[in-house]
Amino acid sequence: MCGPFSSFQGIIRLVEIIFSALALAVVLFRGTMVVPWGIWCEFVWVLCIVVPLVLLVMESKGWHILLAAFLPNWADLTLGLTAVCCISVISATVAFAAVFVCLTCIADILCFIFSLVATACFLVDVVKQRSAFGSGYMSSLRGILRILEAFVACMILTAADDHFVRGEWFYKPSGMILCAVIFGVCLLVTAAIIVLNLLKLLQCLLVFRLNLVEFVFNMVAVVLYLLAVILWTVFGYSRYRHNPYTCIECSYADMNAVTVGSALNLVLYIVDLLLSIKSL
């Protein structure tokens, strides 16, 4: 092989693209999914096609050199993006298997297998890049925490959306709606902080130092997530007279996912807050 596929990195990215595309193609062939978990899986597979493809083109054409002034550590960015794809495709593979796969669903089983192979490829890619380029924000503890916070928030919002879509139209209390707003706002700010840490020049736009901004945000995020855990639990689990699903076993699936995810993100933000105090 030649060109961008002459190295292990190029080959593994090509395989990632192929199997992500196959998983997406099988799903599109069987019919577009309209439920939130299905939309999340489709989004992840598209992401896992676009990211390796863009990285391949940028590196083969040498265009990433043009970003040196804005993005001093290209290897750090590629490791971070690959890690995002890795944890995202893991979640998509697990969610698709849990929600859609059955013993008689041949197309869904094929899709699961393709997604599983793509997951293995991304895992190998992350381990390979981590061993070769083990420095930078995205490979540091603070960067990993931010990636996990954003990822968990995406899963929480997907589960919350699925709960609202499948639930009764008349039972959407303001407390649960406020929780969804909290999750979305914290996700946007977390993503903005990741971008600011990668693009150092953008930090000049801040009135205060980024470390101080992160410290203040982490404090606010801890308070908001604590509030969200309480509100979601109180308003969600008190609806014993309202069953949004046709089966009793399914009725609390999304609510449990949101509860566990928000508690997990609360812990992550507390750890991040402790680390930000040290960096002041």
C-alpha atoms as a PDB file:
ATOM      1  CA  MET A   1       0.000   0.000   0.000  1.00  0.00           C
ATOM      2  CA  CYS A   2       1.134   3.566  -0.608  1.00  0.00           C
ATOM      3  CA  GLY A   3       0.391   7.129   0.399  1.00  0.00           C
ATOM      4  CA  PRO A   4      -1.407   7.594   3.729  1.00  0.00           C
ATOM      5  CA  PHE A   5      -1.946   3.822   4.018  1.00  0.00           C
ATOM      6  CA  SER A   6       1.757   2.914   4.051  1.00  0.00           C
ATOM      7  CA  SER A   7       1.933   3.160   7.860  1.00  0.00           C
ATOM      8  CA  PHE A   8       0.158   1.298  10.645  1.00  0.00           C
ATOM      9  CA  GLN A   9      -1.616   4.516  11.636  1.00  0.00           C
ATOM     10  CA  GLY A  10      -3.013   4.991   8.143  1.00  0.00           C
ATOM     11  CA  ILE A  11      -4.127   1.357   7.860  1.00  0.00           C
ATOM     12  CA  ILE A  12      -5.871   1.292  11.238  1.00  0.00           C
ATOM     13  CA  ARG A  13      -7.727   4.510  10.392  1.00  0.00           C
ATOM     14  CA  LEU A  14      -8.828   3.032   7.080  1.00  0.00           C
ATOM     15  CA  VAL A  15     -10.199  -0.037   8.884  1.00  0.00           C
ATOM     16  CA  GLU A  16     -11.988   2.230  11.393  1.00  0.00           C
ATOM     17  CA  ILE A  17     -13.661   4.089   8.532  1.00  0.00           C
ATOM     18  CA  ILE A  18     -14.653   0.904   6.684  1.00  0.00           C
ATOM     19  CA  PHE A  19     -16.301  -0.861   9.623  1.00  0.00           C
ATOM     20  CA  SER A  20     -17.986   2.295  10.933  1.00  0.00           C
ATOM     21  CA  ALA A  21     -19.379   2.858   7.449  1.00  0.00           C
ATOM     22  CA  LEU A  22     -20.561  -0.767   7.225  1.00  0.00           C
ATOM     23  CA  ALA A  23     -22.368  -0.461  10.576  1.00  0.00           C
ATOM     24  CA  LEU A  24     -24.043   2.744   9.419  1.00  0.00           C
ATOM     25  CA  ALA A  25     -24.910   1.297   6.010  1.00  0.00           C
ATOM     26  CA  VAL A  26     -26.623  -1.761   7.521  1.00  0.00           C
ATOM     27  CA  VAL A  27     -28.714   0.454   9.794  1.00  0.00           C
ATOM     28  CA  LEU A  28     -29.715   2.762   6.946  1.00  0.00           C
ATOM     29  CA  PHE A  29     -30.576  -0.257   4.798  1.00  0.00           C
ATOM     30  CA  ARG A  30     -32.903  -1.680   7.465  1.00  0.00           C
ATOM     31  CA  GLY A  31     -34.588   1.695   7.916  1.00  0.00           C
ATOM     32  CA  THR A  32     -33.822   4.971   9.604  1.00  0.00           C
ATOM     33  CA  MET A  33     -34.048   4.839  13.391  1.00  0.00           C
ATOM     34  CA  VAL A  34     -36.138   7.558  15.021  1.00  0.00           C
ATOM     35  CA  VAL A  35     -35.725   6.743  18.712  1.00  0.00           C
ATOM     36  CA  PRO A  36     -33.015   8.755  20.542  1.00  0.00           C
ATOM     37  CA  TRP A  37     -30.753   5.756  21.202  1.00  0.00           C
ATOM     38  CA  GLY A  38     -30.850   4.857  17.516  1.00  0.00           C
ATOM     39  CA  ILE A  39     -30.078   8.447  16.516  1.00  0.00           C
ATOM     40  CA  TRP A  40     -27.155   8.438  18.962  1.00  0.00           C
ATOM     41  CA  CYS A  41     -25.748   5.265  17.367  1.00  0.00           C
ATOM     42  CA  GLU A  42     -26.059   6.723  13.868  1.00  0.00           C
ATOM     43  CA  PHE A  43     -24.384   9.958  14.993  1.00  0.00           C
ATOM     44  CA  VAL A  44     -21.496   8.019  16.549  1.00  0.00           C
ATOM     45  CA  TRP A  45     -20.875   5.956  13.413  1.00  0.00           C
ATOM     46  CA  VAL A  46     -20.884   9.102  11.280  1.00  0.00           C
ATOM     47  CA  LEU A  47     -18.426  10.675  13.753  1.00  0.00           C
ATOM     48  CA  CYS A  48     -16.211   7.579  13.547  1.00  0.00           C
ATOM     49  CA  ILE A  49     -16.142   7.932   9.753  1.00  0.00           C
ATOM     50  CA  VAL A  50     -15.538  11.677   9.590  1.00  0.00           C
ATOM     51  CA  VAL A  51     -12.838  12.021  12.278  1.00  0.00           C
ATOM     52  CA  PRO A  52     -10.370   9.381  10.948  1.00  0.00           C
ATOM     53  CA  LEU A  53     -11.028  10.582   7.385  1.00  0.00           C
ATOM     54  CA  VAL A  54     -10.280  14.214   8.240  1.00  0.00           C
ATOM     55  CA  LEU A  55      -7.152  13.214  10.178  1.00  0.00           C
ATOM     56  CA  LEU A  56      -5.961  11.090   7.251  1.00  0.00           C
ATOM     57  CA  VAL A  57      -6.447  13.906   4.738  1.00  0.00           C
ATOM     58  CA  MET A  58      -4.876  16.551   6.992  1.00  0.00           C
ATOM     59  CA  GLU A  59      -1.781  14.468   7.673  1.00  0.00           C
ATOM     60  CA  SER A  60      -1.319  13.102   4.136  1.00  0.00           C
ATOM     61  CA  LYS A  61      -1.567  16.611   2.636  1.00  0.00           C
ATOM     62  CA  GLY A  62       0.505  18.181   5.404  1.00  0.00           C
ATOM     63  CA  TRP A  63      -2.254  20.690   6.148  1.00  0.00           C
ATOM     64  CA  HIS A  64      -1.947  20.161   9.897  1.00  0.00           C
ATOM     65  CA  ILE A  65       1.339  22.098   9.748  1.00  0.00           C
ATOM     66  CA  LEU A  66      -0.649  25.209   8.839  1.00  0.00           C
ATOM     67  CA  LEU A  67      -2.417  24.952  12.195  1.00  0.00           C
ATOM     68  CA  ALA A  68       0.812  25.008  14.220  1.00  0.00           C
ATOM     69  CA  ALA A  69       0.288  28.628  15.307  1.00  0.00           C
ATOM     70  CA  PHE A  70      -3.195  27.893  16.647  1.00  0.00           C
ATOM     71  CA  LEU A  71      -2.724  24.237  17.572  1.00  0.00           C
ATOM     72  CA  PRO A  72       0.843  23.648  18.801  1.00  0.00           C
ATOM     73  CA  ASN A  73       0.336  19.951  19.640  1.00  0.00           C
ATOM     74  CA  TRP A  74      -1.285  18.100  16.720  1.00  0.00           C
ATOM     75  CA  ALA A  75      -0.513  14.666  18.200  1.00  0.00           C
ATOM     76  CA  ASP A  76      -2.386  15.642  21.364  1.00  0.00           C
ATOM     77  CA  LEU A  77      -5.449  16.623  19.325  1.00  0.00           C
ATOM     78  CA  THR A  78      -5.441  13.400  17.287  1.00  0.00           C
ATOM     79  CA  LEU A  79      -5.148  11.338  20.467  1.00  0.00           C
ATOM     80  CA  GLY A  80      -8.056  13.227  22.036  1.00  0.00           C
ATOM     81  CA  LEU A  81     -10.294  12.901  18.980  1.00  0.00           C
ATOM     82  CA  THR A  82      -9.486   9.200  18.663  1.00  0.00           C
ATOM     83  CA  ALA A  83     -10.285   8.698  22.351  1.00  0.00           C
ATOM     84  CA  VAL A  84     -13.621  10.486  21.888  1.00  0.00           C
ATOM     85  CA  CYS A  85     -14.440   8.198  18.959  1.00  0.00           C
ATOM     86  CA  CYS A  86     -13.366   5.174  20.988  1.00  0.00           C
ATOM     87  CA  ILE A  87     -15.584   5.777  24.007  1.00  0.00           C
ATOM     88  CA  SER A  88     -18.432   6.926  21.760  1.00  0.00           C
ATOM     89  CA  VAL A  89     -18.378   3.807  19.586  1.00  0.00           C
ATOM     90  CA  ILE A  90     -18.173   1.640  22.718  1.00  0.00           C
ATOM     91  CA  SER A  91     -21.354   3.295  23.987  1.00  0.00           C
ATOM     92  CA  ALA A  92     -23.040   2.952  20.584  1.00  0.00           C
ATOM     93  CA  THR A  93     -22.133  -0.731  20.348  1.00  0.00           C
ATOM     94  CA  VAL A  94     -23.450  -1.482  23.828  1.00  0.00           C
ATOM     95  CA  ALA A  95     -26.598   0.639  23.376  1.00  0.00           C
ATOM     96  CA  PHE A  96     -27.382  -0.899  19.975  1.00  0.00           C
ATOM     97  CA  ALA A  97     -26.933  -4.422  21.341  1.00  0.00           C
ATOM     98  CA  ALA A  98     -29.130  -3.699  24.363  1.00  0.00           C
ATOM     99  CA  VAL A  99     -31.932  -1.883  22.536  1.00  0.00           C
ATOM    100  CA  PHE A 100     -32.112  -3.357  19.030  1.00  0.00           C
ATOM    101  CA  VAL A 101     -30.326  -6.719  18.684  1.00  0.00           C
ATOM    102  CA  CYS A 102     -32.341  -9.944  18.902  1.00  0.00           C
ATOM    103  CA  LEU A 103     -31.569 -13.541  17.942  1.00  0.00           C
ATOM    104  CA  THR A 104     -33.667 -13.370  14.754  1.00  0.00           C
ATOM    105  CA  CYS A 105     -32.525  -9.870  13.667  1.00  0.00           C
ATOM    106  CA  ILE A 106     -29.789 -10.734  11.143  1.00  0.00           C
ATOM    107  CA  ALA A 107     -29.208  -7.146  10.004  1.00  0.00           C
ATOM    108  CA  ASP A 108     -28.929  -5.897  13.570  1.00  0.00           C
ATOM    109  CA  ILE A 109     -26.488  -8.679  14.451  1.00  0.00           C
ATOM    110  CA  LEU A 110     -24.321  -7.753  11.436  1.00  0.00           C
ATOM    111  CA  CYS A 111     -24.428  -4.100  12.457  1.00  0.00           C
ATOM    112  CA  PHE A 112     -23.384  -5.037  15.993  1.00  0.00           C
ATOM    113  CA  ILE A 113     -20.457  -7.112  14.686  1.00  0.00           C
ATOM    114  CA  PHE A 114     -19.236  -4.298  12.417  1.00  0.00           C
ATOM    115  CA  SER A 115     -19.499  -1.799  15.269  1.00  0.00           C
ATOM    116  CA  LEU A 116     -17.666  -4.209  17.575  1.00  0.00           C
ATOM    117  CA  VAL A 117     -14.777  -4.510  15.096  1.00  0.00           C
ATOM    118  CA  ALA A 118     -14.664  -0.705  14.773  1.00  0.00           C
ATOM    119  CA  THR A 119     -14.527  -0.501  18.579  1.00  0.00           C
ATOM    120  CA  ALA A 120     -11.565  -2.875  18.696  1.00  0.00           C
ATOM    121  CA  CYS A 121      -9.756  -0.825  16.035  1.00  0.00           C
ATOM    122  CA  PHE A 122     -10.263   2.429  17.936  1.00  0.00           C
ATOM    123  CA  LEU A 123      -9.061   0.800  21.147  1.00  0.00           C
ATOM    124  CA  VAL A 124      -5.867  -0.357  19.423  1.00  0.00           C
ATOM    125  CA  ASP A 125      -5.442   3.099  17.886  1.00  0.00           C
ATOM    126  CA  VAL A 126      -5.784   4.857  21.254  1.00  0.00           C
ATOM    127  CA  VAL A 127      -3.320   2.515  22.980  1.00  0.00           C
ATOM    128  CA  LYS A 128      -0.833   2.916  20.109  1.00  0.00           C
ATOM    129  CA  GLN A 129      -1.052   6.717  20.116  1.00  0.00           C
ATOM    130  CA  ARG A 130      -0.957   6.886  23.922  1.00  0.00           C
ATOM    131  CA  SER A 131       2.298   4.925  24.017  1.00  0.00           C
ATOM    132  CA  ALA A 132       3.855   7.060  21.264  1.00  0.00           C
ATOM    133  CA  PHE A 133       2.562  10.521  22.246  1.00  0.00           C
ATOM    134  CA  GLY A 134       1.923  10.418  25.974  1.00  0.00           C
ATOM    135  CA  SER A 135       2.039  14.154  26.652  1.00  0.00           C
ATOM    136  CA  GLY A 136      -0.352  17.048  26.185  1.00  0.00           C
ATOM    137  CA  TYR A 137      -3.688  18.234  27.562  1.00  0.00           C
ATOM    138  CA  MET A 138      -5.882  15.532  26.027  1.00  0.00           C
ATOM    139  CA  SER A 139      -3.689  12.775  27.457  1.00  0.00           C
ATOM    140  CA  SER A 140      -3.428  14.399  30.900  1.00  0.00           C
ATOM    141  CA  LEU A 141      -5.715  13.616  33.831  1.00  0.00           C
ATOM    142  CA  ARG A 142      -7.509  16.971  33.469  1.00  0.00           C
ATOM    143  CA  GLY A 143      -8.093  16.409  29.759  1.00  0.00           C
ATOM    144  CA  ILE A 144      -9.316  12.853  30.276  1.00  0.00           C
ATOM    145  CA  LEU A 145     -11.733  14.075  32.955  1.00  0.00           C
ATOM    146  CA  ARG A 146     -13.139  16.710  30.578  1.00  0.00           C
ATOM    147  CA  ILE A 147     -13.627  14.131  27.836  1.00  0.00           C
ATOM    148  CA  LEU A 148     -15.408  11.794  30.259  1.00  0.00           C
ATOM    149  CA  GLU A 149     -17.605  14.619  31.587  1.00  0.00           C
ATOM    150  CA  ALA A 150     -18.688  15.553  28.064  1.00  0.00           C
ATOM    151  CA  PHE A 151     -19.245  11.926  27.047  1.00  0.00           C
ATOM    152  CA  VAL A 152     -21.314  11.078  30.125  1.00  0.00           C
ATOM    153  CA  ALA A 153     -23.370  14.242  29.564  1.00  0.00           C
ATOM    154  CA  CYS A 154     -24.135  13.094  26.004  1.00  0.00           C
ATOM    155  CA  MET A 155     -25.321   9.724  27.311  1.00  0.00           C
ATOM    156  CA  ILE A 156     -27.429  11.417  30.006  1.00  0.00           C
ATOM    157  CA  LEU A 157     -29.092  13.708  27.463  1.00  0.00           C
ATOM    158  CA  THR A 158     -29.791  10.758  25.150  1.00  0.00           C
ATOM    159  CA  ALA A 159     -31.420   8.778  27.959  1.00  0.00           C
ATOM    160  CA  ALA A 160     -33.394  11.824  29.133  1.00  0.00           C
ATOM    161  CA  ASP A 161     -34.564  12.518  25.598  1.00  0.00           C
ATOM    162  CA  ASP A 162     -35.608   8.890  25.176  1.00  0.00           C
ATOM    163  CA  HIS A 163     -37.543   9.098  28.436  1.00  0.00           C
ATOM    164  CA  PHE A 164     -39.359  12.257  27.339  1.00  0.00           C
ATOM    165  CA  VAL A 165     -40.097  10.889  23.859  1.00  0.00           C
ATOM    166  CA  ARG A 166     -41.467   7.575  25.107  1.00  0.00           C
ATOM    167  CA  GLY A 167     -43.197   9.050  28.165  1.00  0.00           C
ATOM    168  CA  GLU A 168     -46.629  10.513  28.517  1.00  0.00           C
ATOM    169  CA  TRP A 169     -46.935  13.911  26.904  1.00  0.00           C
ATOM    170  CA  PHE A 170     -48.689  15.255  30.002  1.00  0.00           C
ATOM    171  CA  TYR A 171     -46.039  14.100  32.500  1.00  0.00           C
ATOM    172  CA  LYS A 172     -42.973  16.243  31.902  1.00  0.00           C
ATOM    173  CA  PRO A 173     -42.529  18.104  35.199  1.00  0.00           C
ATOM    174  CA  SER A 174     -40.548  21.337  35.243  1.00  0.00           C
ATOM    175  CA  GLY A 175     -38.000  19.807  37.619  1.00  0.00           C
ATOM    176  CA  MET A 176     -37.002  17.153  35.086  1.00  0.00           C
ATOM    177  CA  ILE A 177     -36.945  19.712  32.265  1.00  0.00           C
ATOM    178  CA  LEU A 178     -34.600  21.850  34.400  1.00  0.00           C
ATOM    179  CA  CYS A 179     -32.331  18.828  34.845  1.00  0.00           C
ATOM    180  CA  ALA A 180     -32.051  18.422  31.067  1.00  0.00           C
ATOM    181  CA  VAL A 181     -31.172  22.129  30.749  1.00  0.00           C
ATOM    182  CA  ILE A 182     -28.460  21.730  33.415  1.00  0.00           C
ATOM    183  CA  PHE A 183     -26.954  18.749  31.603  1.00  0.00           C
ATOM    184  CA  GLY A 184     -26.935  20.635  28.289  1.00  0.00           C
ATOM    185  CA  VAL A 185     -25.401  23.847  29.684  1.00  0.00           C
ATOM    186  CA  CYS A 186     -22.637  21.977  31.532  1.00  0.00           C
ATOM    187  CA  LEU A 187     -21.891  19.984  28.370  1.00  0.00           C
ATOM    188  CA  LEU A 188     -21.504  23.156  26.279  1.00  0.00           C
ATOM    189  CA  VAL A 189     -19.209  24.843  28.813  1.00  0.00           C
ATOM    190  CA  THR A 190     -17.123  21.673  29.186  1.00  0.00           C
ATOM    191  CA  ALA A 191     -16.680  21.481  25.405  1.00  0.00           C
ATOM    192  CA  ALA A 192     -15.702  25.170  25.320  1.00  0.00           C
ATOM    193  CA  ILE A 193     -13.053  24.585  28.018  1.00  0.00           C
ATOM    194  CA  ILE A 194     -11.585  21.701  26.021  1.00  0.00           C
ATOM    195  CA  VAL A 195     -11.342  23.948  22.939  1.00  0.00           C
ATOM    196  CA  LEU A 196      -9.728  26.748  24.966  1.00  0.00           C
ATOM    197  CA  ASN A 197      -7.108  24.357  26.340  1.00  0.00           C
ATOM    198  CA  LEU A 198      -6.276  23.133  22.841  1.00  0.00           C
ATOM    199  CA  LEU A 199      -6.295  26.520  21.083  1.00  0.00           C
ATOM    200  CA  LYS A 200      -4.025  28.594  23.298  1.00  0.00           C
ATOM    201  CA  LEU A 201      -4.559  31.808  21.311  1.00  0.00           C
ATOM    202  CA  LEU A 202      -8.252  31.850  22.232  1.00  0.00           C
ATOM    203  CA  GLN A 203      -7.290  32.199  25.896  1.00  0.00           C
ATOM    204  CA  CYS A 204      -6.388  35.820  25.150  1.00  0.00           C
ATOM    205  CA  LEU A 205     -10.117  36.517  24.825  1.00  0.00           C
ATOM    206  CA  LEU A 206     -10.693  35.624  28.468  1.00  0.00           C
ATOM    207  CA  VAL A 207     -10.800  38.345  31.091  1.00  0.00           C
ATOM    208  CA  PHE A 208      -9.524  35.958  33.767  1.00  0.00           C
ATOM    209  CA  ARG A 209      -6.984  33.138  33.663  1.00  0.00           C
ATOM    210  CA  LEU A 210      -8.328  29.848  32.313  1.00  0.00           C
ATOM    211  CA  ASN A 211      -7.397  28.054  35.544  1.00  0.00           C
ATOM    212  CA  LEU A 212      -9.634  30.447  37.500  1.00  0.00           C
ATOM    213  CA  VAL A 213     -12.451  30.063  34.960  1.00  0.00           C
ATOM    214  CA  GLU A 214     -12.246  26.279  35.268  1.00  0.00           C
ATOM    215  CA  PHE A 215     -12.254  26.494  39.077  1.00  0.00           C
ATOM    216  CA  VAL A 216     -15.392  28.653  39.120  1.00  0.00           C
ATOM    217  CA  PHE A 217     -17.139  26.472  36.528  1.00  0.00           C
ATOM    218  CA  ASN A 218     -16.309  23.281  38.425  1.00  0.00           C
ATOM    219  CA  MET A 219     -17.840  24.727  41.592  1.00  0.00           C
ATOM    220  CA  VAL A 220     -20.992  25.751  39.719  1.00  0.00           C
ATOM    221  CA  ALA A 221     -21.147  22.382  37.915  1.00  0.00           C
ATOM    222  CA  VAL A 222     -20.922  20.459  41.204  1.00  0.00           C
ATOM    223  CA  VAL A 223     -23.799  22.496  42.678  1.00  0.00           C
ATOM    224  CA  LEU A 224     -25.906  22.174  39.519  1.00  0.00           C
ATOM    225  CA  TYR A 225     -25.342  18.421  39.168  1.00  0.00           C
ATOM    226  CA  LEU A 226     -26.145  17.896  42.838  1.00  0.00           C
ATOM    227  CA  LEU A 227     -29.383  19.809  42.274  1.00  0.00           C
ATOM    228  CA  ALA A 228     -30.090  17.773  39.113  1.00  0.00           C
ATOM    229  CA  VAL A 229     -29.575  14.454  40.907  1.00  0.00           C
ATOM    230  CA  ILE A 230     -32.018  15.502  43.615  1.00  0.00           C
ATOM    231  CA  LEU A 231     -34.642  16.922  41.242  1.00  0.00           C
ATOM    232  CA  TRP A 232     -34.499  14.002  38.801  1.00  0.00           C
ATOM    233  CA  THR A 233     -34.845  11.505  41.642  1.00  0.00           C
ATOM    234  CA  VAL A 234     -37.687  13.358  43.357  1.00  0.00           C
ATOM    235  CA  PHE A 235     -39.749  14.096  40.232  1.00  0.00           C
ATOM    236  CA  GLY A 236     -38.898  10.921  38.336  1.00  0.00           C
ATOM    237  CA  TYR A 237     -39.264   8.146  40.889  1.00  0.00           C
ATOM    238  CA  SER A 238     -42.321   9.701  42.521  1.00  0.00           C
ATOM    239  CA  ARG A 239     -44.398   9.115  39.366  1.00  0.00           C
ATOM    240  CA  TYR A 240     -45.592   5.663  40.458  1.00  0.00           C
ATOM    241  CA  ARG A 241     -48.989   6.313  38.854  1.00  0.00           C
ATOM    242  CA  HIS A 242     -47.471   7.237  35.504  1.00  0.00           C
ATOM    243  CA  ASN A 243     -45.867   4.500  33.415  1.00  0.00           C
ATOM    244  CA  PRO A 244     -44.477   5.902  30.138  1.00  0.00           C
ATOM    245  CA  TYR A 245     -43.786   2.456  28.670  1.00  0.00           C
ATOM    246  CA  THR A 246     -45.851  -0.511  27.678  1.00  0.00           C
ATOM    247  CA  CYS A 247     -43.848  -2.874  29.904  1.00  0.00           C
ATOM    248  CA  ILE A 248     -43.196  -2.485  33.613  1.00  0.00           C
ATOM    249  CA  GLU A 249     -39.598  -3.720  33.289  1.00  0.00           C
ATOM    250  CA  CYS A 250     -38.759  -0.952  30.792  1.00  0.00           C
ATOM    251  CA  SER A 251     -40.418   1.876  32.684  1.00  0.00           C
ATOM    252  CA  TYR A 252     -37.389   2.956  34.697  1.00  0.00           C
ATOM    253  CA  ALA A 253     -34.608   2.046  32.259  1.00  0.00           C
ATOM    254  CA  ASP A 254     -33.918   5.560  30.954  1.00  0.00           C
ATOM    255  CA  MET A 255     -34.565   7.134  34.342  1.00  0.00           C
ATOM    256  CA  ASN A 256     -32.020   4.842  35.955  1.00  0.00           C
ATOM    257  CA  ALA A 257     -29.521   5.677  33.209  1.00  0.00           C
ATOM    258  CA  VAL A 258     -29.938   9.414  33.843  1.00  0.00           C
ATOM    259  CA  THR A 259     -29.688   8.957  37.614  1.00  0.00           C
ATOM    260  CA  VAL A 260     -26.514   6.856  37.439  1.00  0.00           C
ATOM    261  CA  GLY A 261     -24.982   9.085  34.755  1.00  0.00           C
ATOM    262  CA  SER A 262     -25.656  12.312  36.627  1.00  0.00           C
ATOM    263  CA  ALA A 263     -24.237  10.829  39.845  1.00  0.00           C
ATOM    264  CA  LEU A 264     -21.142   9.715  37.919  1.00  0.00           C
ATOM    265  CA  ASN A 265     -20.683  13.161  36.388  1.00  0.00           C
ATOM    266  CA  LEU A 266     -21.118  14.722  39.822  1.00  0.00           C
ATOM    267  CA  VAL A 267     -18.182  12.625  41.050  1.00  0.00           C
ATOM    268  CA  LEU A 268     -16.114  13.559  37.973  1.00  0.00           C
ATOM    269  CA  TYR A 269     -16.740  17.274  38.498  1.00  0.00           C
ATOM    270  CA  ILE A 270     -15.839  16.971  42.194  1.00  0.00           C
ATOM    271  CA  VAL A 271     -12.523  15.341  41.250  1.00  0.00           C
ATOM    272  CA  ASP A 272     -11.989  18.028  38.616  1.00  0.00           C
ATOM    273  CA  LEU A 273     -12.735  20.706  41.231  1.00  0.00           C
ATOM    274  CA  LEU A 274     -10.113  19.279  43.592  1.00  0.00           C
ATOM    275  CA  LEU A 275      -7.542  19.232  40.781  1.00  0.00           C
ATOM    276  CA  SER A 276      -8.426  22.803  39.756  1.00  0.00           C
ATOM    277  CA  ILE A 277      -7.864  23.981  43.336  1.00  0.00           C
ATOM    278  CA  LYS A 278      -4.326  22.579  43.139  1.00  0.00           C
ATOM    279  CA  SER A 279      -3.669  24.403  39.864  1.00  0.00           C
ATOM    280  CA  LEU A 280      -4.629  27.848  41.190  1.00  0.00           C
END
